[in-house]
Protein backbone atom coordinates (compact mmCIF):
# COMPACT_ATOMS: atom_id res chain seq x y z
CA MET A 1 5.39 34.08 28.41
CA ASN A 2 4.32 37.40 27.60
CA VAL A 3 0.49 38.38 27.50
CA PHE A 4 -0.47 41.91 26.26
CA LEU A 5 -3.86 43.57 27.48
CA VAL A 6 -5.11 44.85 24.43
CA PRO A 7 -7.89 47.61 24.17
CA VAL A 8 -10.23 47.01 21.39
CA ALA A 9 -13.12 49.21 22.34
CA ALA A 10 -13.74 52.08 24.43
CA ASP A 11 -14.15 50.02 27.66
CA ARG A 12 -13.30 46.25 25.94
CA TYR A 13 -10.14 44.83 26.33
CA GLU A 14 -8.46 41.26 25.11
CA LEU A 15 -5.32 38.99 26.17
CA TYR A 16 -3.20 38.33 23.68
CA CYS A 17 0.00 36.63 22.85
CA GLU A 18 2.52 35.10 20.26
CA ASP A 19 4.35 32.47 22.34
CA HIS A 20 4.49 29.22 20.60
CA GLY A 21 2.04 26.67 21.14
CA ASP A 22 2.36 22.87 21.73
CA ARG A 23 4.56 20.86 19.91
CA VAL A 24 3.80 17.64 18.95
CA PRO A 25 5.71 15.18 20.77
CA ALA A 26 8.41 12.93 19.30
CA ALA A 27 6.40 9.68 17.88
CA ALA A 28 8.67 7.20 19.85
CA GLU A 29 6.07 5.62 22.21
CA ALA A 30 2.75 5.92 20.88
CA PRO A 31 -0.07 7.10 23.31
CA THR A 32 -2.23 4.89 25.51
CA GLY A 33 -6.17 5.45 26.43
CA PHE A 34 -8.67 7.41 23.90
CA VAL A 35 -8.32 11.05 25.51
CA ARG A 36 -4.46 10.85 24.97
CA ARG A 37 -4.63 9.52 21.64
CA ALA A 38 -7.53 12.11 20.54
CA ALA A 39 -5.16 14.74 22.12
CA ARG A 40 -2.08 13.38 20.36
CA ARG A 41 -4.07 13.42 17.11
CA PHE A 42 -5.61 16.69 17.84
CA GLN A 43 -1.63 18.07 18.08
CA GLU A 44 -0.68 16.82 14.79
CA GLN A 45 -3.78 18.54 13.11
CA VAL A 46 -3.00 21.82 14.55
CA ALA A 47 0.45 21.77 13.72
CA GLU A 48 -0.62 20.51 10.19
CA ALA A 49 -2.95 23.31 10.13
CA GLU A 50 -0.22 26.10 10.99
CA ARG A 51 2.09 24.87 8.43
CA ALA A 52 -0.44 25.09 6.17
CA ALA A 53 -1.38 28.58 7.02
CA ARG A 54 2.19 30.02 6.72
CA ARG A 55 2.46 28.39 2.93
CA PRO A 56 2.01 30.51 -0.07
CA PRO A 57 -1.68 29.62 -1.69
CA ALA A 58 -1.79 27.48 -4.46
CA SER A 59 -1.74 29.05 -7.80
CA ASP A 60 -5.15 29.20 -9.73
CA ASP A 61 -3.86 27.02 -12.41
CA GLN A 62 -2.96 24.45 -10.36
CA PRO A 63 -6.07 21.63 -10.76
CA ARG A 64 -6.80 20.40 -7.51
CA SER A 65 -9.61 17.54 -6.50
CA PHE A 66 -12.19 18.24 -4.66
CA SER A 67 -10.80 16.45 -1.43
CA ALA A 68 -7.92 18.82 -1.64
CA ARG A 69 -9.83 21.91 -1.87
CA LEU A 70 -11.85 20.67 1.30
CA LYS A 71 -8.81 19.58 3.52
CA THR A 72 -7.60 23.09 2.76
CA ARG A 73 -10.37 24.79 3.97
CA ALA A 74 -10.69 22.37 7.13
CA LEU A 75 -6.87 23.40 7.87
CA ARG A 76 -7.64 27.14 7.49
CA TRP A 77 -10.65 26.91 9.48
CA ILE A 78 -8.42 24.73 12.40
CA ALA A 79 -5.70 27.79 11.81
CA GLU A 80 -8.40 30.48 12.43
CA SER A 81 -9.62 28.38 15.62
CA VAL A 82 -6.26 28.00 16.93
CA ALA A 83 -5.42 31.75 16.88
CA GLU A 84 -8.81 32.33 18.76
CA GLN A 85 -7.56 30.10 21.38
CA ARG A 86 -3.54 29.97 21.34
CA LEU A 87 -3.05 32.12 24.15
CA LEU A 88 -5.57 29.81 26.60
CA TRP A 89 -3.60 26.63 25.53
CA ASN A 90 -0.22 28.14 26.06
CA LEU A 91 -1.42 29.01 29.70
CA ARG A 92 -1.49 25.50 30.52
CA GLY A 93 1.19 24.60 32.61
CA GLN A 94 2.31 28.31 33.06
CA THR A 95 3.50 28.98 36.63
CA ASP A 96 5.05 32.85 35.58
CA ALA A 97 3.87 35.05 32.99
CA VAL A 98 4.40 38.88 32.57
CA LEU A 99 1.17 40.94 31.61
CA PHE A 100 1.83 44.44 29.51
CA HIS A 101 -0.93 46.69 29.86
CA PRO A 102 -1.55 50.33 28.75
CA HIS A 103 0.60 52.51 30.87
CA ASP A 104 -2.61 54.63 32.22
CA LEU A 105 -3.90 51.75 34.04
CA THR A 106 -3.02 51.10 37.44
CA GLU A 107 -1.90 47.74 38.36
CA PRO A 108 -4.94 46.92 40.26
CA GLN A 109 -6.80 47.92 37.27
CA ALA A 110 -5.18 45.96 34.95
CA ARG A 111 -4.92 42.97 37.19
CA GLN A 112 -8.69 43.04 37.69
CA LEU A 113 -9.35 42.96 33.76
CA LEU A 114 -7.14 40.07 33.82
CA HIS A 115 -9.04 37.86 35.95
CA ARG A 116 -12.54 39.04 34.54
CA THR A 117 -10.98 38.59 31.24
CA LEU A 118 -10.02 34.98 32.43
CA THR A 119 -12.96 33.94 34.14
CA ARG A 120 -15.24 34.63 31.11
CA ASP A 121 -13.32 32.59 29.27
CA TRP A 122 -13.32 29.92 31.83
CA GLU A 123 -17.24 30.15 31.73
CA ARG A 124 -18.02 30.55 28.27
CA HIS A 125 -15.69 27.25 27.57
CA ARG A 126 -17.12 25.19 30.09
CA PHE A 127 -20.63 25.93 28.78
CA TRP A 128 -19.14 25.03 24.96
CA LEU A 129 -17.53 21.90 26.39
CA VAL A 130 -20.87 20.56 27.88
CA LEU A 131 -22.64 21.48 24.83
CA ASP A 132 -20.34 20.27 22.00
CA GLY A 133 -19.48 16.67 24.34
CA LEU A 134 -23.48 15.92 24.17
CA CYS A 135 -23.12 16.86 20.34
CA GLY A 136 -20.02 14.56 20.08
CA ALA A 137 -21.68 11.59 21.78
CA ALA A 138 -24.72 12.13 19.46
CA SER A 139 -22.48 11.94 16.36
CA LEU A 140 -21.13 8.29 17.83
CA LEU A 141 -24.57 6.98 15.92
CA LEU A 142 -23.32 8.26 12.49
CA VAL A 143 -20.73 5.17 12.54
CA LEU A 144 -23.11 3.07 11.32
CA ILE A 145 -23.06 5.17 7.93
CA PRO A 146 -20.49 4.18 5.95
CA GLY A 147 -17.30 6.54 5.32
CA PRO A 148 -15.30 8.81 7.44
CA ASN A 149 -17.66 10.47 10.59
CA VAL A 150 -16.65 14.03 9.86
CA ILE A 151 -19.33 15.32 11.96
CA GLY A 152 -17.85 13.22 14.78
CA TYR A 153 -14.43 14.63 14.10
CA TYR A 154 -15.65 17.86 13.98
CA PHE A 155 -16.97 17.65 17.35
CA LEU A 156 -13.94 15.97 18.84
CA PHE A 157 -11.75 18.77 17.57
CA ARG A 158 -14.08 21.25 19.29
CA ILE A 159 -14.45 19.31 22.71
CA VAL A 160 -10.52 18.74 22.94
CA GLY A 161 -10.10 22.50 22.04
CA HIS A 162 -12.27 23.67 24.56
CA TYR A 163 -10.90 21.47 27.34
CA PHE A 164 -7.68 22.94 26.94
CA SER A 165 -8.74 26.44 26.80
CA LEU A 166 -10.70 25.48 30.07
CA ARG A 167 -7.50 24.30 31.74
CA GLY A 168 -5.61 27.25 30.64
CA ALA A 169 -7.88 29.76 31.95
CA ARG A 170 -7.97 27.94 35.41
CA GLN A 171 -4.34 27.95 35.48
CA GLY A 172 -4.04 31.50 34.47
CA LEU A 173 -6.75 32.23 37.60
CA SER A 174 -5.41 30.35 40.04
CA LYS A 175 -1.91 29.18 39.65
CA THR A 176 -0.01 31.49 36.97
CA ALA A 177 2.49 34.40 39.10
CA TRP A 178 1.35 37.45 36.87
CA ALA A 179 4.09 40.38 36.57
CA LEU A 180 2.83 43.59 35.26
CA GLU A 181 4.48 45.96 32.88
CA PRO A 182 2.93 48.94 31.74
CA THR A 183 3.64 50.16 28.31
CA ALA A 184 2.70 52.99 26.46
CA SER A 185 2.40 51.31 23.25
CA LEU A 186 -0.80 49.69 24.28
CA THR A 187 -2.20 52.88 24.98
CA THR A 188 -1.72 54.04 21.52
CA LEU A 189 -4.34 51.71 20.22
CA ARG A 190 -7.08 53.50 22.23
CA SER A 191 -6.69 56.27 20.58
CA VAL A 192 -7.83 55.04 17.35
CA VAL A 193 -10.39 52.22 18.43
CA GLY A 194 -13.45 53.51 16.84
CA GLN A 195 -11.53 54.04 13.11
CA GLU A 196 -12.02 52.59 10.11
CA SER A 197 -9.44 49.62 9.41
CA ALA A 198 -7.99 51.79 6.75
CA ALA A 199 -7.55 54.96 8.83
CA ARG A 200 -5.63 52.97 11.97
CA ALA A 201 -3.49 50.78 9.86
CA LEU A 202 -0.86 52.54 10.14
CA VAL A 203 -0.70 53.44 13.87
CA VAL A 204 -1.58 49.44 14.82
CA ASP A 205 1.46 48.87 12.33
CA ASP A 206 3.95 50.68 14.54
CA VAL A 207 2.45 49.57 17.76
CA ALA A 208 2.85 46.09 16.69
CA SER A 209 6.62 46.34 15.29
CA SER A 210 7.55 47.89 18.33
CA LEU A 211 6.33 45.37 20.50
CA ARG A 212 7.73 42.74 17.96
CA LEU A 213 4.33 41.22 17.38
CA GLU A 214 4.06 39.44 14.12
CA HIS A 215 0.34 39.25 13.80
CA LEU A 216 -1.14 41.54 16.24
CA ALA A 217 -2.76 43.93 13.60
CA LYS A 218 -5.13 41.26 12.46
CA PHE A 219 -5.79 40.18 15.79
CA PHE A 220 -6.91 43.85 16.74
CA ASP A 221 -8.98 44.03 13.38
CA ARG A 222 -11.00 41.34 14.25
CA CYS A 223 -11.57 42.18 17.78
CA ALA A 224 -12.30 45.71 17.11
CA SER A 225 -14.86 44.66 14.55
CA GLN A 226 -17.14 42.75 16.84
């Protein structure tokens, strides 16, 4: 698994990857237990959202029902959430990984930044897992209302997502063996931090092309604007 330590501000770095995420297992065996069924349904929704994100948008002259528009928006939201947590989900079960970092950072500095970022992510997802778990439990009261429990499904998605992220962060901190590789391409990104998106677009695209990262530009723009 390849992970990239991307400079997104003068003193801030974010981890990024484009490795393939979870694949939905074959339906030969139906999972047993609530947690496994929820995880299976979660993986199916993620796969559907990512397929929808890759499809071209429907033309405006094609009438769509309210439910179809609602589903499209829900899938788009899921796809965006997946993009933000994909790295941590991929780290689950990874025993070896390569961290590519700006070449002007020493290996101890890069390892410290890796550890600091994963620790921050672990603490953040632990907090949200507890909070969403409490909200999800409260949403069970809505089963008394006729119709689908949309709020309950929302919190279930968040709970499973934070749980996967928590496991990935823990794996990366304690069990993954990291090999470090310096690269000048990532150093180049630091030179355009703070510039307007249009002004830095050419440099970011060149870096993305050299590293063969299809979605790096979108990730960099989102993080650099925070």
